[in-house]
Amino acid sequence: MKSSVLGKSTSVAEVTGIFRTGIMIHVDREYFLPYERCPKFKTAKAEDVFSVEFDGEDLHWPALDIDMELESLRHPERFPLVWHE
């Protein structure tokens, strides 16, 4: 029996490491996000970086007010803009 109603994604996002040059994020696989693309992570508190939420399409860091599409991690060449304050 198949359900005809799609539920909310059960995928989980997790920051798996904070490094000198960027952060490692695991969603469906590991992604490296260099600080060059999102400098706000470099000066953020570790607890705020590790506190990521995922709704199935977008990543959100509430304490840092950062939202990011998963597609921008999968295909960074399609999203050449760098975040600036």
PDB file of N, CA and C in Angstrom:
ATOM      1  N   MET A   1       0.842  -1.177   0.000  1.00  0.00           N
ATOM      2  CA  MET A   1       0.000   0.000   0.000  1.00  0.00           C
ATOM      3  C   MET A   1       0.891   1.245   0.000  1.00  0.00           C
ATOM      4  N   LYS A   2       0.571   2.183  -0.870  1.00  0.00           N
ATOM      5  CA  LYS A   2       1.330   3.431  -0.947  1.00  0.00           C
ATOM      6  C   LYS A   2       0.495   4.571  -0.401  1.00  0.00           C
ATOM      7  N   SER A   3       1.177   5.465   0.275  1.00  0.00           N
ATOM      8  CA  SER A   3       0.505   6.651   0.779  1.00  0.00           C
ATOM      9  C   SER A   3       0.482   7.698  -0.320  1.00  0.00           C
ATOM     10  N   SER A   4      -0.646   8.335  -0.518  1.00  0.00           N
ATOM     11  CA  SER A   4      -0.741   9.376  -1.543  1.00  0.00           C
ATOM     12  C   SER A   4      -0.415  10.756  -0.982  1.00  0.00           C
ATOM     13  N   VAL A   5      -0.256  10.848   0.321  1.00  0.00           N
ATOM     14  CA  VAL A   5       0.047  12.126   0.951  1.00  0.00           C
ATOM     15  C   VAL A   5       1.530  12.156   1.303  1.00  0.00           C
ATOM     16  N   LEU A   6       2.196  13.183   0.806  1.00  0.00           N
ATOM     17  CA  LEU A   6       3.605  13.335   1.128  1.00  0.00           C
ATOM     18  C   LEU A   6       3.742  14.001   2.486  1.00  0.00           C
ATOM     19  N   GLY A   7       4.593  13.444   3.305  1.00  0.00           N
ATOM     20  CA  GLY A   7       4.836  14.022   4.623  1.00  0.00           C
ATOM     21  C   GLY A   7       6.038  14.932   4.594  1.00  0.00           C
ATOM     22  N   LYS A   8       6.365  15.460   5.753  1.00  0.00           N
ATOM     23  CA  LYS A   8       7.532  16.317   5.895  1.00  0.00           C
ATOM     24  C   LYS A   8       8.790  15.473   5.768  1.00  0.00           C
ATOM     25  N   SER A   9       9.823  16.034   5.190  1.00  0.00           N
ATOM     26  CA  SER A   9      11.084  15.334   5.025  1.00  0.00           C
ATOM     27  C   SER A   9      11.628  14.885   6.375  1.00  0.00           C
ATOM     28  N   THR A  10      12.195  13.675   6.384  1.00  0.00           N
ATOM     29  CA  THR A  10      12.800  13.176   7.611  1.00  0.00           C
ATOM     30  C   THR A  10      14.312  13.342   7.593  1.00  0.00           C
ATOM     31  N   SER A  11      14.832  14.003   6.578  1.00  0.00           N
ATOM     32  CA  SER A  11      16.266  14.257   6.515  1.00  0.00           C
ATOM     33  C   SER A  11      16.679  15.149   7.678  1.00  0.00           C
ATOM     34  N   VAL A  12      17.869  14.893   8.161  1.00  0.00           N
ATOM     35  CA  VAL A  12      18.397  15.662   9.281  1.00  0.00           C
ATOM     36  C   VAL A  12      19.679  16.339   8.834  1.00  0.00           C
ATOM     37  N   ALA A  13      19.866  17.571   9.240  1.00  0.00           N
ATOM     38  CA  ALA A  13      21.109  18.292   8.963  1.00  0.00           C
ATOM     39  C   ALA A  13      21.918  18.357  10.243  1.00  0.00           C
ATOM     40  N   GLU A  14      23.224  18.230  10.082  1.00  0.00           N
ATOM     41  CA  GLU A  14      24.111  18.284  11.237  1.00  0.00           C
ATOM     42  C   GLU A  14      25.430  18.918  10.828  1.00  0.00           C
ATOM     43  N   VAL A  15      25.883  19.878  11.604  1.00  0.00           N
ATOM     44  CA  VAL A  15      27.227  20.412  11.410  1.00  0.00           C
ATOM     45  C   VAL A  15      28.153  19.416  12.097  1.00  0.00           C
ATOM     46  N   THR A  16      29.051  18.814  11.312  1.00  0.00           N
ATOM     47  CA  THR A  16      29.908  17.754  11.852  1.00  0.00           C
ATOM     48  C   THR A  16      31.306  18.234  12.194  1.00  0.00           C
ATOM     49  N   GLY A  17      31.638  19.466  11.811  1.00  0.00           N
ATOM     50  CA  GLY A  17      32.956  19.976  12.153  1.00  0.00           C
ATOM     51  C   GLY A  17      33.093  21.455  11.876  1.00  0.00           C
ATOM     52  N   ILE A  18      33.873  22.103  12.711  1.00  0.00           N
ATOM     53  CA  ILE A  18      34.229  23.509  12.522  1.00  0.00           C
ATOM     54  C   ILE A  18      35.743  23.544  12.368  1.00  0.00           C
ATOM     55  N   PHE A  19      36.191  24.057  11.239  1.00  0.00           N
ATOM     56  CA  PHE A  19      37.612  24.045  10.914  1.00  0.00           C
ATOM     57  C   PHE A  19      38.131  25.463  10.708  1.00  0.00           C
ATOM     58  N   ARG A  20      39.418  25.580  10.562  1.00  0.00           N
ATOM     59  CA  ARG A  20      40.058  26.884  10.380  1.00  0.00           C
ATOM     60  C   ARG A  20      39.563  27.582   9.116  1.00  0.00           C
ATOM     61  N   THR A  21      39.178  26.817   8.096  1.00  0.00           N
ATOM     62  CA  THR A  21      38.802  27.404   6.807  1.00  0.00           C
ATOM     63  C   THR A  21      37.313  27.312   6.481  1.00  0.00           C
ATOM     64  N   GLY A  22      36.527  26.637   7.329  1.00  0.00           N
ATOM     65  CA  GLY A  22      35.106  26.515   7.049  1.00  0.00           C
ATOM     66  C   GLY A  22      34.436  25.482   7.933  1.00  0.00           C
ATOM     67  N   ILE A  23      33.192  25.142   7.594  1.00  0.00           N
ATOM     68  CA  ILE A  23      32.446  24.160   8.380  1.00  0.00           C
ATOM     69  C   ILE A  23      32.041  22.987   7.497  1.00  0.00           C
ATOM     70  N   MET A  24      31.880  21.827   8.125  1.00  0.00           N
ATOM     71  CA  MET A  24      31.428  20.623   7.440  1.00  0.00           C
ATOM     72  C   MET A  24      29.989  20.368   7.864  1.00  0.00           C
ATOM     73  N   ILE A  25      29.121  20.151   6.876  1.00  0.00           N
ATOM     74  CA  ILE A  25      27.700  19.936   7.126  1.00  0.00           C
ATOM     75  C   ILE A  25      27.302  18.604   6.507  1.00  0.00           C
ATOM     76  N   HIS A  26      26.542  17.806   7.251  1.00  0.00           N
ATOM     77  CA  HIS A  26      26.023  16.552   6.705  1.00  0.00           C
ATOM     78  C   HIS A  26      24.511  16.671   6.593  1.00  0.00           C
ATOM     79  N   VAL A  27      24.001  16.472   5.371  1.00  0.00           N
ATOM     80  CA  VAL A  27      22.556  16.427   5.162  1.00  0.00           C
ATOM     81  C   VAL A  27      22.261  15.081   4.524  1.00  0.00           C
ATOM     82  N   ASP A  28      22.450  14.980   3.229  1.00  0.00           N
ATOM     83  CA  ASP A  28      22.336  13.693   2.550  1.00  0.00           C
ATOM     84  C   ASP A  28      23.722  13.111   2.284  1.00  0.00           C
ATOM     85  N   ARG A  29      24.717  13.937   2.450  1.00  0.00           N
ATOM     86  CA  ARG A  29      26.138  13.578   2.369  1.00  0.00           C
ATOM     87  C   ARG A  29      26.911  14.726   3.011  1.00  0.00           C
ATOM     88  N   GLU A  30      28.240  14.649   3.031  1.00  0.00           N
ATOM     89  CA  GLU A  30      29.053  15.708   3.626  1.00  0.00           C
ATOM     90  C   GLU A  30      29.273  16.848   2.627  1.00  0.00           C
ATOM     91  N   TYR A  31      29.153  18.065   3.114  1.00  0.00           N
ATOM     92  CA  TYR A  31      29.426  19.268   2.324  1.00  0.00           C
ATOM     93  C   TYR A  31      30.378  20.150   3.119  1.00  0.00           C
ATOM     94  N   PHE A  32      31.333  20.760   2.428  1.00  0.00           N
ATOM     95  CA  PHE A  32      32.229  21.713   3.078  1.00  0.00           C
ATOM     96  C   PHE A  32      31.821  23.110   2.651  1.00  0.00           C
ATOM     97  N   LEU A  33      31.612  23.985   3.614  1.00  0.00           N
ATOM     98  CA  LEU A  33      31.237  25.370   3.349  1.00  0.00           C
ATOM     99  C   LEU A  33      32.370  26.266   3.829  1.00  0.00           C
ATOM    100  N   PRO A  34      33.166  26.808   2.893  1.00  0.00           N
ATOM    101  CA  PRO A  34      34.283  27.668   3.300  1.00  0.00           C
ATOM    102  C   PRO A  34      33.778  29.013   3.831  1.00  0.00           C
ATOM    103  N   TYR A  35      34.532  29.561   4.762  1.00  0.00           N
ATOM    104  CA  TYR A  35      34.169  30.863   5.328  1.00  0.00           C
ATOM    105  C   TYR A  35      34.129  31.945   4.258  1.00  0.00           C
ATOM    106  N   GLU A  36      34.849  31.763   3.167  1.00  0.00           N
ATOM    107  CA  GLU A  36      34.815  32.737   2.063  1.00  0.00           C
ATOM    108  C   GLU A  36      33.398  32.919   1.541  1.00  0.00           C
ATOM    109  N   ARG A  37      32.589  31.862   1.566  1.00  0.00           N
ATOM    110  CA  ARG A  37      31.217  31.936   1.052  1.00  0.00           C
ATOM    111  C   ARG A  37      30.241  32.493   2.080  1.00  0.00           C
ATOM    112  N   CYS A  38      30.539  32.318   3.352  1.00  0.00           N
ATOM    113  CA  CYS A  38      29.654  32.820   4.406  1.00  0.00           C
ATOM    114  C   CYS A  38      30.496  33.182   5.628  1.00  0.00           C
ATOM    115  N   PRO A  39      31.119  34.361   5.597  1.00  0.00           N
ATOM    116  CA  PRO A  39      32.070  34.768   6.636  1.00  0.00           C
ATOM    117  C   PRO A  39      31.498  34.840   8.052  1.00  0.00           C
ATOM    118  N   LYS A  40      30.207  34.982   8.185  1.00  0.00           N
ATOM    119  CA  LYS A  40      29.607  35.117   9.514  1.00  0.00           C
ATOM    120  C   LYS A  40      29.881  33.888  10.395  1.00  0.00           C
ATOM    121  N   PHE A  41      30.045  32.719   9.775  1.00  0.00           N
ATOM    122  CA  PHE A  41      30.338  31.511  10.548  1.00  0.00           C
ATOM    123  C   PHE A  41      31.699  31.592  11.241  1.00  0.00           C
ATOM    124  N   LYS A  42      32.637  32.299  10.645  1.00  0.00           N
ATOM    125  CA  LYS A  42      34.007  32.348  11.167  1.00  0.00           C
ATOM    126  C   LYS A  42      34.071  32.969  12.560  1.00  0.00           C
ATOM    127  N   THR A  43      33.236  33.947  12.823  1.00  0.00           N
ATOM    128  CA  THR A  43      33.268  34.639  14.114  1.00  0.00           C
ATOM    129  C   THR A  43      32.131  34.221  15.049  1.00  0.00           C
ATOM    130  N   ALA A  44      31.316  33.279  14.602  1.00  0.00           N
ATOM    131  CA  ALA A  44      30.167  32.844  15.407  1.00  0.00           C
ATOM    132  C   ALA A  44      30.594  31.907  16.533  1.00  0.00           C
ATOM    133  N   LYS A  45      29.784  31.854  17.575  1.00  0.00           N
ATOM    134  CA  LYS A  45      30.014  30.902  18.659  1.00  0.00           C
ATOM    135  C   LYS A  45      29.758  29.493  18.124  1.00  0.00           C
ATOM    136  N   ALA A  46      30.564  28.546  18.563  1.00  0.00           N
ATOM    137  CA  ALA A  46      30.437  27.157  18.104  1.00  0.00           C
ATOM    138  C   ALA A  46      29.028  26.625  18.332  1.00  0.00           C
ATOM    139  N   GLU A  47      28.441  26.907  19.483  1.00  0.00           N
ATOM    140  CA  GLU A  47      27.098  26.394  19.773  1.00  0.00           C
ATOM    141  C   GLU A  47      26.071  26.915  18.769  1.00  0.00           C
ATOM    142  N   ASP A  48      26.263  28.139  18.269  1.00  0.00           N
ATOM    143  CA  ASP A  48      25.341  28.693  17.275  1.00  0.00           C
ATOM    144  C   ASP A  48      25.543  28.047  15.906  1.00  0.00           C
ATOM    145  N   VAL A  49      26.778  27.719  15.575  1.00  0.00           N
ATOM    146  CA  VAL A  49      27.067  27.055  14.296  1.00  0.00           C
ATOM    147  C   VAL A  49      26.493  25.640  14.304  1.00  0.00           C
ATOM    148  N   PHE A  50      26.635  24.937  15.417  1.00  0.00           N
ATOM    149  CA  PHE A  50      26.127  23.564  15.514  1.00  0.00           C
ATOM    150  C   PHE A  50      24.605  23.510  15.577  1.00  0.00           C
ATOM    151  N   SER A  51      23.964  24.610  15.899  1.00  0.00           N
ATOM    152  CA  SER A  51      22.510  24.650  16.042  1.00  0.00           C
ATOM    153  C   SER A  51      21.839  24.953  14.705  1.00  0.00           C
ATOM    154  N   VAL A  52      21.798  23.954  13.833  1.00  0.00           N
ATOM    155  CA  VAL A  52      21.222  24.106  12.495  1.00  0.00           C
ATOM    156  C   VAL A  52      19.880  23.385  12.426  1.00  0.00           C
ATOM    157  N   GLU A  53      18.947  23.979  11.705  1.00  0.00           N
ATOM    158  CA  GLU A  53      17.634  23.375  11.460  1.00  0.00           C
ATOM    159  C   GLU A  53      17.503  23.118   9.966  1.00  0.00           C
ATOM    160  N   PHE A  54      16.719  22.106   9.596  1.00  0.00           N
ATOM    161  CA  PHE A  54      16.550  21.743   8.189  1.00  0.00           C
ATOM    162  C   PHE A  54      15.094  21.389   7.939  1.00  0.00           C
ATOM    163  N   ASP A  55      14.500  21.996   6.912  1.00  0.00           N
ATOM    164  CA  ASP A  55      13.091  21.733   6.612  1.00  0.00           C
ATOM    165  C   ASP A  55      12.891  20.856   5.380  1.00  0.00           C
ATOM    166  N   GLY A  56      13.956  20.277   4.882  1.00  0.00           N
ATOM    167  CA  GLY A  56      13.866  19.439   3.692  1.00  0.00           C
ATOM    168  C   GLY A  56      14.444  20.107   2.463  1.00  0.00           C
ATOM    169  N   GLU A  57      14.519  21.434   2.468  1.00  0.00           N
ATOM    170  CA  GLU A  57      15.082  22.191   1.352  1.00  0.00           C
ATOM    171  C   GLU A  57      16.065  23.263   1.802  1.00  0.00           C
ATOM    172  N   ASP A  58      15.795  23.849   2.949  1.00  0.00           N
ATOM    173  CA  ASP A  58      16.606  24.971   3.422  1.00  0.00           C
ATOM    174  C   ASP A  58      17.228  24.670   4.779  1.00  0.00           C
ATOM    175  N   LEU A  59      18.443  25.175   4.957  1.00  0.00           N
ATOM    176  CA  LEU A  59      19.136  25.108   6.239  1.00  0.00           C
ATOM    177  C   LEU A  59      18.956  26.453   6.923  1.00  0.00           C
ATOM    178  N   HIS A  60      18.801  26.422   8.239  1.00  0.00           N
ATOM    179  CA  HIS A  60      18.577  27.663   8.977  1.00  0.00           C
ATOM    180  C   HIS A  60      19.345  27.614  10.292  1.00  0.00           C
ATOM    181  N   TRP A  61      20.078  28.677  10.568  1.00  0.00           N
ATOM    182  CA  TRP A  61      20.783  28.873  11.831  1.00  0.00           C
ATOM    183  C   TRP A  61      20.091  30.028  12.543  1.00  0.00           C
ATOM    184  N   PRO A  62      19.141  29.749  13.443  1.00  0.00           N
ATOM    185  CA  PRO A  62      18.337  30.798  14.075  1.00  0.00           C
ATOM    186  C   PRO A  62      19.151  31.866  14.800  1.00  0.00           C
ATOM    187  N   ALA A  63      20.127  31.477  15.591  1.00  0.00           N
ATOM    188  CA  ALA A  63      20.898  32.446  16.378  1.00  0.00           C
ATOM    189  C   ALA A  63      21.759  33.343  15.504  1.00  0.00           C
ATOM    190  N   LEU A  64      22.077  32.877  14.297  1.00  0.00           N
ATOM    191  CA  LEU A  64      22.936  33.652  13.393  1.00  0.00           C
ATOM    192  C   LEU A  64      22.146  34.367  12.305  1.00  0.00           C
ATOM    193  N   ASP A  65      20.841  34.098  12.228  1.00  0.00           N
ATOM    194  CA  ASP A  65      19.982  34.656  11.187  1.00  0.00           C
ATOM    195  C   ASP A  65      20.538  34.344   9.795  1.00  0.00           C
ATOM    196  N   ILE A  66      20.912  33.074   9.593  1.00  0.00           N
ATOM    197  CA  ILE A  66      21.428  32.609   8.301  1.00  0.00           C
ATOM    198  C   ILE A  66      20.478  31.558   7.751  1.00  0.00           C
ATOM    199  N   ASP A  67      20.066  31.742   6.501  1.00  0.00           N
ATOM    200  CA  ASP A  67      19.264  30.766   5.768  1.00  0.00           C
ATOM    201  C   ASP A  67      20.019  30.408   4.502  1.00  0.00           C
ATOM    202  N   MET A  68      20.011  29.129   4.154  1.00  0.00           N
ATOM    203  CA  MET A  68      20.764  28.679   2.989  1.00  0.00           C
ATOM    204  C   MET A  68      20.027  27.513   2.330  1.00  0.00           C
ATOM    205  N   GLU A  69      19.888  27.580   1.020  1.00  0.00           N
ATOM    206  CA  GLU A  69      19.284  26.475   0.292  1.00  0.00           C
ATOM    207  C   GLU A  69      20.266  25.318   0.205  1.00  0.00           C
ATOM    208  N   LEU A  70      19.766  24.105   0.373  1.00  0.00           N
ATOM    209  CA  LEU A  70      20.611  22.924   0.232  1.00  0.00           C
ATOM    210  C   LEU A  70      21.236  22.883  -1.158  1.00  0.00           C
ATOM    211  N   GLU A  71      20.508  23.337  -2.157  1.00  0.00           N
ATOM    212  CA  GLU A  71      21.036  23.356  -3.531  1.00  0.00           C
ATOM    213  C   GLU A  71      22.321  24.165  -3.639  1.00  0.00           C
ATOM    214  N   SER A  72      22.470  25.200  -2.816  1.00  0.00           N
ATOM    215  CA  SER A  72      23.691  26.013  -2.883  1.00  0.00           C
ATOM    216  C   SER A  72      24.901  25.249  -2.359  1.00  0.00           C
ATOM    217  N   LEU A  73      24.680  24.245  -1.527  1.00  0.00           N
ATOM    218  CA  LEU A  73      25.775  23.374  -1.093  1.00  0.00           C
ATOM    219  C   LEU A  73      26.046  22.296  -2.136  1.00  0.00           C
ATOM    220  N   ARG A  74      24.970  21.774  -2.723  1.00  0.00           N
ATOM    221  CA  ARG A  74      25.120  20.726  -3.742  1.00  0.00           C
ATOM    222  C   ARG A  74      25.800  21.254  -4.999  1.00  0.00           C
ATOM    223  N   HIS A  75      25.460  22.485  -5.387  1.00  0.00           N
ATOM    224  CA  HIS A  75      25.958  23.072  -6.637  1.00  0.00           C
ATOM    225  C   HIS A  75      26.423  24.509  -6.403  1.00  0.00           C
ATOM    226  N   PRO A  76      27.532  24.707  -5.693  1.00  0.00           N
ATOM    227  CA  PRO A  76      27.980  26.077  -5.390  1.00  0.00           C
ATOM    228  C   PRO A  76      28.283  26.902  -6.636  1.00  0.00           C
ATOM    229  N   GLU A  77      28.621  26.247  -7.732  1.00  0.00           N
ATOM    230  CA  GLU A  77      28.907  26.976  -8.972  1.00  0.00           C
ATOM    231  C   GLU A  77      27.669  27.690  -9.511  1.00  0.00           C
ATOM    232  N   ARG A  78      26.487  27.243  -9.136  1.00  0.00           N
ATOM    233  CA  ARG A  78      25.239  27.887  -9.568  1.00  0.00           C
ATOM    234  C   ARG A  78      24.861  29.070  -8.671  1.00  0.00           C
ATOM    235  N   PHE A  79      25.553  29.204  -7.556  1.00  0.00           N
ATOM    236  CA  PHE A  79      25.257  30.248  -6.578  1.00  0.00           C
ATOM    237  C   PHE A  79      26.543  31.011  -6.274  1.00  0.00           C
ATOM    238  N   PRO A  80      27.003  31.832  -7.213  1.00  0.00           N
ATOM    239  CA  PRO A  80      28.311  32.481  -7.058  1.00  0.00           C
ATOM    240  C   PRO A  80      28.345  33.635  -6.056  1.00  0.00           C
ATOM    241  N   LEU A  81      27.202  34.086  -5.606  1.00  0.00           N
ATOM    242  CA  LEU A  81      27.198  35.227  -4.691  1.00  0.00           C
ATOM    243  C   LEU A  81      27.726  34.824  -3.323  1.00  0.00           C
ATOM    244  N   VAL A  82      28.471  35.721  -2.728  1.00  0.00           N
ATOM    245  CA  VAL A  82      29.011  35.524  -1.391  1.00  0.00           C
ATOM    246  C   VAL A  82      28.255  36.443  -0.452  1.00  0.00           C
ATOM    247  N   TRP A  83      27.932  35.944   0.716  1.00  0.00           N
ATOM    248  CA  TRP A  83      27.191  36.719   1.697  1.00  0.00           C
ATOM    249  C   TRP A  83      28.089  37.775   2.317  1.00  0.00           C
ATOM    250  N   HIS A  84      27.566  38.987   2.446  1.00  0.00           N
ATOM    251  CA  HIS A  84      28.297  40.091   3.071  1.00  0.00           C
ATOM    252  C   HIS A  84      27.394  40.768   4.078  1.00  0.00           C
ATOM    253  N   GLU A  85      28.014  41.359   5.107  1.00  0.00           N
ATOM    254  CA  GLU A  85      27.227  42.145   6.074  1.00  0.00           C
ATOM    255  C   GLU A  85      27.070  43.547   5.569  1.00  0.00           C
TER     256      GLU A  85
END
